[in-house]
C-alpha atoms as a PDB file:
ATOM      1  CA  MET A   1      -0.042   0.051   0.424  1.00  0.00           C
ATOM      2  CA  GLU A   2       1.348   3.273  -0.733  1.00  0.00           C
ATOM      3  CA  ASN A   3       1.591   5.933   2.222  1.00  0.00           C
ATOM      4  CA  THR A   4       2.383   3.199   4.592  1.00  0.00           C
ATOM      5  CA  ASP A   5       5.375   4.785   6.042  1.00  0.00           C
ATOM      6  CA  THR A   6       3.916   8.391   5.934  1.00  0.00           C
ATOM      7  CA  LEU A   7       0.962   6.848   7.827  1.00  0.00           C
ATOM      8  CA  LEU A   8       2.591   4.801  10.417  1.00  0.00           C
ATOM      9  CA  SER A   9       4.525   8.159  10.834  1.00  0.00           C
ATOM     10  CA  LEU A  10       1.361  10.096  11.296  1.00  0.00           C
ATOM     11  CA  ALA A  11      -0.007   7.730  14.179  1.00  0.00           C
ATOM     12  CA  GLU A  12       3.409   8.181  16.012  1.00  0.00           C
ATOM     13  CA  ILE A  13       2.770  11.670  15.903  1.00  0.00           C
ATOM     14  CA  ALA A  14      -0.564  11.906  17.148  1.00  0.00           C
ATOM     15  CA  ALA A  15      -0.109   9.138  19.954  1.00  0.00           C
ATOM     16  CA  ALA A  16       3.100  11.485  21.057  1.00  0.00           C
ATOM     17  CA  PHE A  17       0.624  14.056  21.694  1.00  0.00           C
ATOM     18  CA  ALA A  18      -1.738  12.129  23.884  1.00  0.00           C
ATOM     19  CA  GLY A  19       1.588  11.019  25.999  1.00  0.00           C
ATOM     20  CA  PHE A  20       2.691  14.579  26.305  1.00  0.00           C
ATOM     21  CA  ALA A  21      -0.801  15.439  27.284  1.00  0.00           C
ATOM     22  CA  ALA A  22      -1.334  13.067  30.517  1.00  0.00           C
ATOM     23  CA  LEU A  23       2.648  13.467  30.979  1.00  0.00           C
ATOM     24  CA  VAL A  24       1.299  17.499  31.680  1.00  0.00           C
ATOM     25  CA  SER A  25      -1.419  16.952  33.268  1.00  0.00           C
ATOM     26  CA  VAL A  26       0.309  14.579  35.591  1.00  0.00           C
ATOM     27  CA  ILE A  27       2.981  17.235  36.148  1.00  0.00           C
ATOM     28  CA  ARG A  28       0.320  19.936  36.626  1.00  0.00           C
ATOM     29  CA  ARG A  29      -1.257  17.834  39.256  1.00  0.00           C
ATOM     30  CA  GLY A  30       1.671  17.984  41.334  1.00  0.00           C
ATOM     31  CA  ALA A  31       2.015  21.829  41.201  1.00  0.00           C
ATOM     32  CA  ASP A  32      -0.211  23.577  44.112  1.00  0.00           C
ATOM     33  CA  GLN A  33      -1.277  26.386  41.697  1.00  0.00           C
ATOM     34  CA  PRO A  34      -4.890  27.252  41.409  1.00  0.00           C
ATOM     35  CA  ALA A  35      -6.140  26.434  37.916  1.00  0.00           C
ATOM     36  CA  ASP A  36      -9.588  26.092  36.076  1.00  0.00           C
ATOM     37  CA  ALA A  37      -9.991  22.394  36.044  1.00  0.00           C
ATOM     38  CA  ALA A  38     -12.936  22.087  33.895  1.00  0.00           C
ATOM     39  CA  HIS A  39     -11.779  24.415  31.072  1.00  0.00           C
ATOM     40  CA  ASP A  40      -8.178  22.319  31.534  1.00  0.00           C
ATOM     41  CA  LEU A  41      -9.777  18.779  31.508  1.00  0.00           C
ATOM     42  CA  LEU A  42     -11.633  19.559  28.757  1.00  0.00           C
ATOM     43  CA  ARG A  43      -8.816  20.149  26.911  1.00  0.00           C
ATOM     44  CA  LEU A  44      -7.069  17.805  28.329  1.00  0.00           C
ATOM     45  CA  ARG A  45     -10.001  15.144  26.872  1.00  0.00           C
ATOM     46  CA  LEU A  46      -9.905  16.662  23.585  1.00  0.00           C
ATOM     47  CA  VAL A  47      -6.289  16.364  23.057  1.00  0.00           C
ATOM     48  CA  ILE A  48      -6.246  12.584  24.147  1.00  0.00           C
ATOM     49  CA  SER A  49      -9.439  11.718  22.098  1.00  0.00           C
ATOM     50  CA  SER A  50      -8.231  13.298  19.186  1.00  0.00           C
ATOM     51  CA  SER A  51      -4.759  11.925  19.512  1.00  0.00           C
ATOM     52  CA  VAL A  52      -6.507   8.545  19.687  1.00  0.00           C
ATOM     53  CA  ALA A  53      -8.458   9.164  16.412  1.00  0.00           C
ATOM     54  CA  GLY A  54      -5.299  10.309  15.042  1.00  0.00           C
ATOM     55  CA  VAL A  55      -3.622   6.967  15.877  1.00  0.00           C
ATOM     56  CA  ALA A  56      -6.915   4.872  14.558  1.00  0.00           C
ATOM     57  CA  ALA A  57      -7.121   7.081  11.171  1.00  0.00           C
ATOM     58  CA  ALA A  58      -3.541   6.405  10.408  1.00  0.00           C
ATOM     59  CA  LEU A  59      -3.752   2.892  11.271  1.00  0.00           C
ATOM     60  CA  ILE A  60      -7.305   2.146   9.340  1.00  0.00           C
ATOM     61  CA  PRO A  61      -5.677   1.978   5.721  1.00  0.00           C
ATOM     62  CA  VAL A  62      -3.067   0.205   6.155  1.00  0.00           C
ATOM     63  CA  GLY A  63      -5.239  -2.555   8.193  1.00  0.00           C
ATOM     64  CA  LEU A  64      -7.764  -2.379   5.376  1.00  0.00           C
ATOM     65  CA  ALA A  65      -5.119  -3.137   2.789  1.00  0.00           C
ATOM     66  CA  GLY A  66      -4.441  -6.038   4.121  1.00  0.00           C
ATOM     67  CA  TYR A  67      -7.900  -7.694   3.215  1.00  0.00           C
ATOM     68  CA  GLY A  68      -6.802  -7.222  -0.692  1.00  0.00           C
ATOM     69  CA  LEU A  69      -9.492  -4.413  -0.969  1.00  0.00           C
ATOM     70  CA  GLU A  70      -9.529  -1.950  -4.098  1.00  0.00           C
ATOM     71  CA  PRO A  71      -7.359   0.916  -3.286  1.00  0.00           C
ATOM     72  CA  ALA A  72     -10.287   3.099  -4.106  1.00  0.00           C
ATOM     73  CA  LEU A  73     -12.620   1.390  -1.636  1.00  0.00           C
ATOM     74  CA  THR A  74      -9.934   1.097   1.279  1.00  0.00           C
ATOM     75  CA  TRP A  75      -9.299   5.215   0.869  1.00  0.00           C
ATOM     76  CA  ARG A  76     -12.938   5.939   0.937  1.00  0.00           C
ATOM     77  CA  LEU A  77     -13.981   3.474   4.138  1.00  0.00           C
ATOM     78  CA  ALA A  78     -10.724   4.813   5.950  1.00  0.00           C
ATOM     79  CA  ALA A  79     -12.114   8.401   5.020  1.00  0.00           C
ATOM     80  CA  LEU A  80     -15.775   6.998   6.365  1.00  0.00           C
ATOM     81  CA  LEU A  81     -14.409   5.530   9.886  1.00  0.00           C
ATOM     82  CA  PHE A  82     -12.127   8.937  10.441  1.00  0.00           C
ATOM     83  CA  LEU A  83     -15.495  10.824   9.668  1.00  0.00           C
ATOM     84  CA  LEU A  84     -17.192   8.647  12.212  1.00  0.00           C
ATOM     85  CA  PHE A  85     -14.542   9.037  15.187  1.00  0.00           C
ATOM     86  CA  ASP A  86     -14.079  12.511  14.512  1.00  0.00           C
ATOM     87  CA  ASN A  87     -17.929  13.435  15.046  1.00  0.00           C
ATOM     88  CA  GLY A  88     -17.991  11.292  17.720  1.00  0.00           C
ATOM     89  CA  ILE A  89     -15.251  13.187  19.108  1.00  0.00           C
ATOM     90  CA  ILE A  90     -17.048  16.950  18.422  1.00  0.00           C
ATOM     91  CA  THR A  91     -20.108  15.188  19.911  1.00  0.00           C
ATOM     92  CA  GLY A  92     -18.845  14.029  23.238  1.00  0.00           C
ATOM     93  CA  PHE A  93     -17.024  17.148  23.684  1.00  0.00           C
ATOM     94  CA  LEU A  94     -20.151  19.454  23.344  1.00  0.00           C
ATOM     95  CA  GLY A  95     -21.590  16.880  25.585  1.00  0.00           C
ATOM     96  CA  ALA A  96     -18.762  17.443  27.985  1.00  0.00           C
ATOM     97  CA  TYR A  97     -18.841  21.079  27.262  1.00  0.00           C
ATOM     98  CA  GLN A  98     -22.540  21.617  27.964  1.00  0.00           C
ATOM     99  CA  PRO A  99     -22.845  21.396  32.214  1.00  0.00           C
ATOM    100  CA  VAL A 100     -19.831  23.603  32.310  1.00  0.00           C
ATOM    101  CA  ARG A 101     -20.872  26.182  29.609  1.00  0.00           C
ATOM    102  CA  GLY A 102     -20.628  30.025  30.968  1.00  0.00           C
ATOM    103  CA  THR A 103     -18.518  28.909  34.246  1.00  0.00           C
ATOM    104  CA  PHE A 104     -15.065  30.340  32.018  1.00  0.00           C
ATOM    105  CA  PRO A 105     -14.610  32.636  28.826  1.00  0.00           C
ATOM    106  CA  PRO A 106     -14.396  30.573  25.942  1.00  0.00           C
ATOM    107  CA  ASP A 107     -11.160  30.270  24.262  1.00  0.00           C
ATOM    108  CA  ARG A 108     -11.940  32.436  20.808  1.00  0.00           C
ATOM    109  CA  LEU A 109      -9.014  31.683  19.362  1.00  0.00           C
ATOM    110  CA  ALA A 110      -8.706  27.601  19.614  1.00  0.00           C
ATOM    111  CA  VAL A 111     -12.355  27.754  18.724  1.00  0.00           C
ATOM    112  CA  ALA A 112     -11.974  29.817  15.092  1.00  0.00           C
ATOM    113  CA  LEU A 113      -8.992  28.249  14.409  1.00  0.00           C
ATOM    114  CA  VAL A 114      -9.541  24.328  15.416  1.00  0.00           C
ATOM    115  CA  SER A 115     -13.299  24.918  13.376  1.00  0.00           C
ATOM    116  CA  VAL A 116     -11.633  26.152  10.155  1.00  0.00           C
ATOM    117  CA  LEU A 117      -9.403  23.166  10.342  1.00  0.00           C
ATOM    118  CA  GLU A 118     -12.252  20.821  11.265  1.00  0.00           C
ATOM    119  CA  ILE A 119     -14.218  22.142   8.238  1.00  0.00           C
ATOM    120  CA  PHE A 120     -11.220  21.860   6.294  1.00  0.00           C
ATOM    121  CA  GLU A 121     -10.656  18.307   7.593  1.00  0.00           C
ATOM    122  CA  GLN A 122     -14.063  17.544   6.813  1.00  0.00           C
ATOM    123  CA  ALA A 123     -14.577  18.456   3.473  1.00  0.00           C
ATOM    124  CA  ILE A 124     -11.901  16.644   2.345  1.00  0.00           C
ATOM    125  CA  LEU A 125     -12.539  13.701   4.150  1.00  0.00           C
ATOM    126  CA  LEU A 126     -16.366  13.825   2.529  1.00  0.00           C
ATOM    127  CA  ALA A 127     -14.391  14.145  -0.990  1.00  0.00           C
ATOM    128  CA  VAL A 128     -12.578  10.758   0.130  1.00  0.00           C
ATOM    129  CA  VAL A 129     -15.873   9.253   1.001  1.00  0.00           C
ATOM    130  CA  PHE A 130     -18.086  10.195  -1.948  1.00  0.00           C
ATOM    131  CA  GLY A 131     -15.139   9.449  -4.650  1.00  0.00           C
ATOM    132  CA  ILE A 132     -14.502  12.862  -5.540  1.00  0.00           C
ATOM    133  CA  ALA A 133     -10.544  12.849  -4.914  1.00  0.00           C
ATOM    134  CA  GLY A 134     -10.272  10.104  -7.545  1.00  0.00           C
ATOM    135  CA  GLY A 135      -6.728   9.341  -7.771  1.00  0.00           C
ATOM    136  CA  SER A 136      -5.710  11.541  -5.059  1.00  0.00           C
ATOM    137  CA  ALA A 137      -7.459  10.136  -2.507  1.00  0.00           C
ATOM    138  CA  PRO A 138      -3.989   8.613  -0.414  1.00  0.00           C
ATOM    139  CA  ALA A 139      -2.887  12.583  -0.199  1.00  0.00           C
ATOM    140  CA  LEU A 140      -5.889  13.761   0.674  1.00  0.00           C
ATOM    141  CA  TYR A 141      -6.153  11.411   3.376  1.00  0.00           C
ATOM    142  CA  VAL A 142      -3.122  12.334   4.508  1.00  0.00           C
ATOM    143  CA  THR A 143      -3.644  16.215   4.362  1.00  0.00           C
ATOM    144  CA  ALA A 144      -6.624  15.367   6.817  1.00  0.00           C
ATOM    145  CA  LEU A 145      -4.627  13.616   9.162  1.00  0.00           C
ATOM    146  CA  ILE A 146      -2.209  16.514   9.239  1.00  0.00           C
ATOM    147  CA  ALA A 147      -5.411  19.049   9.465  1.00  0.00           C
ATOM    148  CA  ASN A 148      -6.155  16.851  13.004  1.00  0.00           C
ATOM    149  CA  ILE A 149      -2.494  16.643  14.263  1.00  0.00           C
ATOM    150  CA  CYS A 150      -2.482  20.667  13.434  1.00  0.00           C
ATOM    151  CA  GLN A 151      -5.719  20.690  15.435  1.00  0.00           C
ATOM    152  CA  VAL A 152      -4.392  18.420  18.482  1.00  0.00           C
ATOM    153  CA  GLY A 153      -1.094  20.170  18.428  1.00  0.00           C
ATOM    154  CA  PHE A 154      -2.950  23.914  18.704  1.00  0.00           C
ATOM    155  CA  ILE A 155      -5.328  22.508  21.326  1.00  0.00           C
ATOM    156  CA  PHE A 156      -2.123  20.685  23.326  1.00  0.00           C
ATOM    157  CA  VAL A 157      -0.229  24.040  23.225  1.00  0.00           C
ATOM    158  CA  ARG A 158      -3.319  26.222  24.798  1.00  0.00           C
ATOM    159  CA  PHE A 159      -3.883  23.266  27.323  1.00  0.00           C
ATOM    160  CA  VAL A 160      -0.097  23.654  28.644  1.00  0.00           C
ATOM    161  CA  GLY A 161      -0.319  27.307  28.607  1.00  0.00           C
ATOM    162  CA  SER A 162      -3.531  27.116  30.362  1.00  0.00           C
ATOM    163  CA  ALA A 163      -2.202  24.446  32.803  1.00  0.00           C
ATOM    164  CA  PHE A 164       0.858  26.401  33.744  1.00  0.00           C
ATOM    165  CA  ARG A 165      -0.370  30.217  33.666  1.00  0.00           C
ATOM    166  CA  HIS A 166      -0.507  30.873  37.423  1.00  0.00           C
ATOM    167  CA  VAL A 167       3.087  29.583  38.029  1.00  0.00           C
ATOM    168  CA  PRO A 168       5.584  31.863  37.857  1.00  0.00           C
END
């Protein structure tokens, strides 16, 4: 299968973000600084769940190809599963956000940037699912994974910033 090395590398990058986020949360817990725990927990949850989805999405095409499926079908199924994971994360995040909505100001920069990246990612995946991508499905799929990793990276940076904002 083409792009296997790229997909595996993207899976490793996504997994690294999940690990770093967990490490930051452990280090942060050890500091006796006041923090907006609900906000930080939402960001941590988003980083880890998006990272896990990125790992799965990077590995799924490799696994599907092992069944001898046509490449076009492999990419379409992988994109469909990626969309399902992605929208499941969004739904879960919105459900977790509702009870704490209004208890802290929203991070407007994060919402704007992540929303733009998300729309871009989902548009690409829909193009692959509906066969609009043609022969460029592998490249578009990798582009969607990179958009996912950019989202995770940005949220991770915001999480680290908020987790340690009161540390001198």
